[in-house]
């Protein structure tokens, strides 16, 4: 009978020492996975607001003629701001772009 009590005490000690922490950890992992799944579903289902910034046409601001528009790279690529098209080979903006009204009037794009 004493050996049965000793084995029972040993099993109870092992369960208390290892079983409970492992069980609590497994429960925490399960809850975190559940929370992550919920966040993933919310992120996919949310209608994210897409803000489109209209490119200010420098040809309108500077009143360019039709002939000038036909030869203008910025007019042919209206989805890209003109100062982006005319960057130098080093990636820097041209000096005349920094002083241009079109560049100063352009809305600041939102970070996505």
N, C-alpha and C. Protein backbone atom coordinates (compact mmCIF):
# COMPACT_ATOMS: atom_id res chain seq x y z
N UNK A 1 0.81 -1.19 0.00
CA UNK A 1 0.00 0.00 0.00
C UNK A 1 0.86 1.26 0.00
N UNK A 2 1.97 1.17 0.75
CA UNK A 2 2.86 2.32 0.80
C UNK A 2 3.46 2.62 -0.56
N UNK A 3 3.75 1.58 -1.33
CA UNK A 3 4.32 1.80 -2.65
C UNK A 3 3.30 2.45 -3.60
N UNK A 4 2.02 2.09 -3.43
CA UNK A 4 0.98 2.73 -4.23
C UNK A 4 0.87 4.23 -3.92
N UNK A 5 0.98 4.57 -2.65
CA UNK A 5 0.95 5.98 -2.26
C UNK A 5 2.17 6.71 -2.79
N UNK A 6 3.31 6.05 -2.76
CA UNK A 6 4.54 6.65 -3.26
C UNK A 6 4.44 6.89 -4.77
N UNK A 7 3.91 5.90 -5.51
CA UNK A 7 3.74 6.06 -6.96
C UNK A 7 2.72 7.16 -7.24
N UNK A 8 1.63 7.21 -6.49
CA UNK A 8 0.62 8.27 -6.65
C UNK A 8 1.20 9.63 -6.37
N UNK A 9 2.01 9.74 -5.33
CA UNK A 9 2.66 11.01 -5.00
C UNK A 9 3.63 11.42 -6.10
N UNK A 10 4.35 10.45 -6.65
CA UNK A 10 5.30 10.72 -7.72
C UNK A 10 4.57 11.22 -8.97
N UNK A 11 3.48 10.56 -9.33
CA UNK A 11 2.70 10.97 -10.49
C UNK A 11 2.09 12.36 -10.28
N UNK A 12 1.56 12.61 -9.08
CA UNK A 12 1.00 13.92 -8.77
C UNK A 12 2.08 15.00 -8.84
N UNK A 13 3.29 14.70 -8.36
CA UNK A 13 4.38 15.66 -8.42
C UNK A 13 4.78 15.98 -9.85
N UNK A 14 4.84 14.92 -10.70
CA UNK A 14 5.20 15.14 -12.11
C UNK A 14 4.13 15.97 -12.81
N UNK A 15 2.86 15.67 -12.53
CA UNK A 15 1.77 16.44 -13.15
C UNK A 15 1.83 17.89 -12.70
N UNK A 16 2.05 18.10 -11.40
CA UNK A 16 2.13 19.48 -10.91
C UNK A 16 3.35 20.20 -11.46
N UNK A 17 4.46 19.49 -11.52
CA UNK A 17 5.71 20.13 -11.92
C UNK A 17 5.78 20.40 -13.42
N UNK A 18 5.29 19.43 -14.23
CA UNK A 18 5.42 19.56 -15.68
C UNK A 18 4.08 19.71 -16.40
N UNK A 19 3.09 19.02 -15.98
CA UNK A 19 1.81 19.00 -16.68
C UNK A 19 1.10 20.33 -16.69
N UNK A 20 1.04 20.97 -15.54
CA UNK A 20 0.33 22.26 -15.46
C UNK A 20 1.03 23.34 -16.29
N UNK A 21 2.35 23.52 -16.18
CA UNK A 21 3.00 24.54 -17.03
C UNK A 21 2.85 24.24 -18.53
N UNK A 22 2.96 22.96 -18.90
CA UNK A 22 2.79 22.60 -20.31
C UNK A 22 1.35 22.88 -20.74
N UNK A 23 0.40 22.56 -19.90
CA UNK A 23 -1.01 22.82 -20.22
C UNK A 23 -1.30 24.31 -20.35
N UNK A 24 -0.77 25.10 -19.44
CA UNK A 24 -0.97 26.55 -19.50
C UNK A 24 -0.32 27.12 -20.76
N UNK A 25 0.87 26.64 -21.10
CA UNK A 25 1.55 27.10 -22.31
C UNK A 25 0.76 26.72 -23.55
N UNK A 26 0.26 25.48 -23.59
CA UNK A 26 -0.54 25.05 -24.74
C UNK A 26 -1.81 25.89 -24.85
N UNK A 27 -2.44 26.21 -23.75
CA UNK A 27 -3.64 27.04 -23.76
C UNK A 27 -3.31 28.45 -24.28
N UNK A 28 -2.17 29.00 -23.84
CA UNK A 28 -1.76 30.34 -24.30
C UNK A 28 -1.48 30.32 -25.80
N UNK A 29 -0.82 29.28 -26.30
CA UNK A 29 -0.54 29.17 -27.74
C UNK A 29 -1.84 29.08 -28.52
N UNK A 30 -2.78 28.29 -28.05
CA UNK A 30 -4.07 28.14 -28.73
C UNK A 30 -4.81 29.47 -28.78
N UNK A 31 -4.82 30.20 -27.65
CA UNK A 31 -5.51 31.49 -27.61
C UNK A 31 -4.85 32.51 -28.54
N UNK A 32 -3.52 32.51 -28.58
CA UNK A 32 -2.82 33.44 -29.46
C UNK A 32 -3.07 33.12 -30.94
N UNK A 33 -3.12 31.84 -31.28
CA UNK A 33 -3.43 31.46 -32.66
C UNK A 33 -4.85 31.88 -33.02
N UNK A 34 -5.77 31.72 -32.09
CA UNK A 34 -7.15 32.13 -32.30
C UNK A 34 -7.22 33.65 -32.53
N UNK A 35 -6.50 34.40 -31.72
CA UNK A 35 -6.47 35.85 -31.86
C UNK A 35 -5.84 36.26 -33.18
N UNK A 36 -4.75 35.59 -33.57
CA UNK A 36 -4.09 35.89 -34.83
C UNK A 36 -5.02 35.60 -36.01
N UNK A 37 -5.73 34.50 -35.98
CA UNK A 37 -6.67 34.15 -37.04
C UNK A 37 -7.76 35.23 -37.14
N UNK A 38 -8.23 35.69 -36.00
CA UNK A 38 -9.25 36.74 -35.99
C UNK A 38 -8.72 38.03 -36.61
N UNK A 39 -7.50 38.39 -36.25
CA UNK A 39 -6.90 39.61 -36.81
C UNK A 39 -6.68 39.46 -38.32
N UNK A 40 -6.27 38.28 -38.75
CA UNK A 40 -6.07 38.06 -40.19
C UNK A 40 -7.39 38.22 -40.94
N UNK A 41 -8.46 37.66 -40.40
CA UNK A 41 -9.77 37.78 -41.04
C UNK A 41 -10.25 39.23 -41.08
N UNK A 42 -10.00 39.97 -40.00
CA UNK A 42 -10.40 41.38 -39.97
C UNK A 42 -9.61 42.18 -41.00
N UNK A 43 -8.33 41.87 -41.12
CA UNK A 43 -7.50 42.60 -42.07
C UNK A 43 -7.94 42.34 -43.50
N UNK A 44 -8.39 41.11 -43.78
CA UNK A 44 -8.82 40.79 -45.14
C UNK A 44 -10.21 41.33 -45.43
N UNK A 45 -11.04 41.42 -44.42
CA UNK A 45 -12.42 41.82 -44.67
C UNK A 45 -12.63 43.33 -44.62
N UNK A 46 -11.72 44.05 -43.99
CA UNK A 46 -11.90 45.50 -43.89
C UNK A 46 -11.78 46.14 -45.26
N UNK A 47 -12.64 47.07 -45.51
CA UNK A 47 -12.54 47.85 -46.73
C UNK A 47 -11.55 48.97 -46.46
N UNK A 48 -10.32 48.76 -46.89
CA UNK A 48 -9.30 49.77 -46.67
C UNK A 48 -9.55 50.95 -47.58
N UNK A 49 -9.39 52.10 -47.04
CA UNK A 49 -9.64 53.32 -47.80
C UNK A 49 -8.45 53.55 -48.74
N UNK A 50 -8.74 53.58 -50.00
CA UNK A 50 -7.72 53.85 -51.00
C UNK A 50 -7.81 55.33 -51.36
N UNK A 51 -6.77 56.04 -51.07
CA UNK A 51 -6.75 57.46 -51.39
C UNK A 51 -5.95 57.64 -52.67
N UNK A 52 -6.60 58.18 -53.66
CA UNK A 52 -5.90 58.43 -54.91
C UNK A 52 -5.64 59.93 -55.00
N UNK A 53 -4.42 60.25 -55.21
CA UNK A 53 -4.04 61.65 -55.32
C UNK A 53 -3.98 61.98 -56.80
N UNK A 54 -4.74 62.97 -57.19
CA UNK A 54 -4.75 63.36 -58.60
C UNK A 54 -3.46 64.11 -58.90
N UNK A 55 -2.84 63.69 -59.97
CA UNK A 55 -1.61 64.33 -60.40
C UNK A 55 -1.93 65.72 -60.93
N UNK A 56 -1.36 66.75 -60.33
CA UNK A 56 -1.61 68.10 -60.85
C UNK A 56 -0.91 68.25 -62.19
N UNK A 57 -1.67 68.50 -63.21
CA UNK A 57 -1.09 68.62 -64.55
C UNK A 57 -0.37 69.94 -64.71
N UNK A 58 0.94 69.86 -64.88
CA UNK A 58 1.71 71.10 -65.05
C UNK A 58 1.33 71.80 -66.34
N UNK A 59 0.86 71.03 -67.33
CA UNK A 59 0.45 71.61 -68.60
C UNK A 59 -0.77 72.51 -68.42
N UNK A 60 -1.62 72.21 -67.42
CA UNK A 60 -2.76 73.08 -67.14
C UNK A 60 -2.32 74.32 -66.39
N UNK A 61 -1.45 74.14 -65.42
CA UNK A 61 -1.00 75.27 -64.61
C UNK A 61 -0.17 76.24 -65.44
N UNK A 62 0.64 75.70 -66.35
CA UNK A 62 1.51 76.55 -67.17
C UNK A 62 0.88 76.93 -68.50
N UNK A 63 -0.39 76.51 -68.72
CA UNK A 63 -1.12 76.83 -69.94
C UNK A 63 -0.33 76.47 -71.20
N UNK A 64 0.08 75.22 -71.29
CA UNK A 64 0.85 74.76 -72.44
C UNK A 64 -0.06 74.63 -73.66
N UNK A 65 0.51 74.89 -74.82
CA UNK A 65 -0.24 74.73 -76.08
C UNK A 65 -0.35 73.25 -76.40
N UNK A 66 -1.21 72.93 -77.36
CA UNK A 66 -1.39 71.53 -77.78
C UNK A 66 -0.11 70.96 -78.36
N UNK A 67 0.65 71.79 -79.05
CA UNK A 67 1.91 71.34 -79.64
C UNK A 67 2.91 70.99 -78.53
N UNK A 68 2.96 71.82 -77.50
CA UNK A 68 3.87 71.55 -76.39
C UNK A 68 3.44 70.29 -75.64
N UNK A 69 2.13 70.11 -75.48
CA UNK A 69 1.62 68.92 -74.81
C UNK A 69 1.99 67.64 -75.58
N UNK A 70 1.92 67.72 -76.90
CA UNK A 70 2.21 66.55 -77.73
C UNK A 70 3.67 66.11 -77.58
N UNK A 71 4.56 67.05 -77.31
CA UNK A 71 5.97 66.72 -77.18
C UNK A 71 6.42 66.56 -75.72
N UNK A 72 5.49 66.67 -74.81
CA UNK A 72 5.84 66.67 -73.39
C UNK A 72 5.74 65.26 -72.80
N UNK A 73 6.81 64.83 -72.17
CA UNK A 73 6.84 63.51 -71.53
C UNK A 73 5.88 63.44 -70.35
N UNK A 74 5.73 64.54 -69.63
CA UNK A 74 4.82 64.57 -68.48
C UNK A 74 3.37 64.43 -68.93
N UNK A 75 3.01 65.05 -70.05
CA UNK A 75 1.64 64.95 -70.55
C UNK A 75 1.35 63.53 -71.03
N UNK A 76 2.34 62.87 -71.58
CA UNK A 76 2.16 61.51 -72.08
C UNK A 76 2.10 60.48 -70.94
N UNK A 77 2.63 60.82 -69.77
CA UNK A 77 2.61 59.95 -68.59
C UNK A 77 1.89 60.65 -67.45
N UNK A 78 0.59 60.86 -67.62
CA UNK A 78 -0.17 61.67 -66.68
C UNK A 78 -0.36 61.01 -65.31
N UNK A 79 -0.11 59.70 -65.21
CA UNK A 79 -0.28 59.03 -63.93
C UNK A 79 0.93 59.23 -63.01
N UNK A 80 2.01 59.81 -63.51
CA UNK A 80 3.21 60.06 -62.72
C UNK A 80 3.43 61.57 -62.63
N UNK A 81 3.68 62.10 -61.43
CA UNK A 81 3.94 63.53 -61.32
C UNK A 81 5.16 63.93 -62.17
N UNK A 82 5.08 65.11 -62.75
CA UNK A 82 6.12 65.54 -63.69
C UNK A 82 7.51 65.58 -63.04
N UNK A 83 7.59 65.98 -61.78
CA UNK A 83 8.90 66.06 -61.14
C UNK A 83 9.51 64.68 -60.95
N UNK A 84 8.70 63.63 -60.92
CA UNK A 84 9.24 62.28 -60.83
C UNK A 84 9.83 61.85 -62.18
N UNK A 85 9.22 62.31 -63.25
CA UNK A 85 9.72 61.96 -64.58
C UNK A 85 11.04 62.65 -64.90
N UNK A 86 11.19 63.84 -64.38
CA UNK A 86 12.36 64.64 -64.75
C UNK A 86 13.48 64.60 -63.71
N UNK A 87 13.50 63.58 -62.88
CA UNK A 87 14.60 63.44 -61.91
C UNK A 87 15.91 63.24 -62.65
N UNK A 88 16.97 63.69 -62.03
CA UNK A 88 18.29 63.51 -62.62
C UNK A 88 18.74 62.06 -62.52
N UNK A 89 19.86 61.73 -63.16
CA UNK A 89 20.37 60.35 -63.12
C UNK A 89 20.74 59.90 -61.70
N UNK A 90 21.01 60.86 -60.84
CA UNK A 90 21.36 60.52 -59.45
C UNK A 90 20.12 60.41 -58.56
N UNK A 91 18.93 60.61 -59.15
CA UNK A 91 17.68 60.51 -58.39
C UNK A 91 17.24 61.81 -57.75
N UNK A 92 18.03 62.84 -57.89
CA UNK A 92 17.70 64.14 -57.29
C UNK A 92 16.75 64.91 -58.19
N UNK A 93 15.92 65.72 -57.56
CA UNK A 93 15.01 66.58 -58.33
C UNK A 93 15.81 67.70 -58.97
N UNK A 94 15.32 68.12 -60.13
CA UNK A 94 15.98 69.24 -60.80
C UNK A 94 15.70 70.52 -60.03
N UNK A 95 16.59 71.45 -60.14
CA UNK A 95 16.47 72.71 -59.41
C UNK A 95 15.20 73.45 -59.80
N UNK A 96 14.85 73.45 -61.09
CA UNK A 96 13.65 74.18 -61.51
C UNK A 96 12.38 73.49 -61.02
N UNK A 97 12.43 72.19 -60.71
CA UNK A 97 11.25 71.51 -60.15
C UNK A 97 11.00 71.95 -58.71
N UNK A 98 12.07 72.20 -57.98
CA UNK A 98 11.93 72.60 -56.57
C UNK A 98 11.29 73.97 -56.44
N UNK A 99 11.45 74.82 -57.45
CA UNK A 99 10.87 76.16 -57.42
C UNK A 99 9.53 76.24 -58.14
N UNK A 100 9.07 75.15 -58.72
CA UNK A 100 7.86 75.15 -59.55
C UNK A 100 6.60 75.19 -58.70
N UNK A 101 5.60 75.97 -59.16
CA UNK A 101 4.30 76.05 -58.48
C UNK A 101 3.58 74.71 -58.47
N UNK A 102 3.73 73.93 -59.54
CA UNK A 102 3.06 72.64 -59.63
C UNK A 102 3.57 71.72 -58.51
N UNK A 103 4.86 71.73 -58.28
CA UNK A 103 5.46 70.93 -57.23
C UNK A 103 4.97 71.38 -55.86
N UNK A 104 4.86 72.69 -55.64
CA UNK A 104 4.43 73.22 -54.35
C UNK A 104 2.94 73.03 -54.10
N UNK A 105 2.14 72.99 -55.15
CA UNK A 105 0.69 72.83 -55.01
C UNK A 105 0.28 71.35 -54.86
N UNK A 106 1.17 70.45 -55.19
CA UNK A 106 0.82 69.01 -55.18
C UNK A 106 0.47 68.55 -53.76
N UNK A 107 -0.56 67.74 -53.64
CA UNK A 107 -0.92 67.21 -52.32
C UNK A 107 0.15 66.24 -51.85
N UNK A 108 0.32 66.20 -50.56
CA UNK A 108 1.31 65.30 -49.97
C UNK A 108 0.69 63.91 -49.94
N UNK A 109 1.37 62.91 -50.55
CA UNK A 109 0.79 61.56 -50.54
C UNK A 109 0.82 60.96 -49.14
N UNK A 110 -0.21 60.17 -48.85
CA UNK A 110 -0.28 59.51 -47.54
C UNK A 110 0.58 58.27 -47.57
N UNK A 111 1.23 57.98 -46.45
CA UNK A 111 2.03 56.76 -46.35
C UNK A 111 1.09 55.57 -46.23
N UNK A 112 1.39 54.50 -46.98
CA UNK A 112 0.55 53.32 -46.91
C UNK A 112 1.25 52.18 -46.28
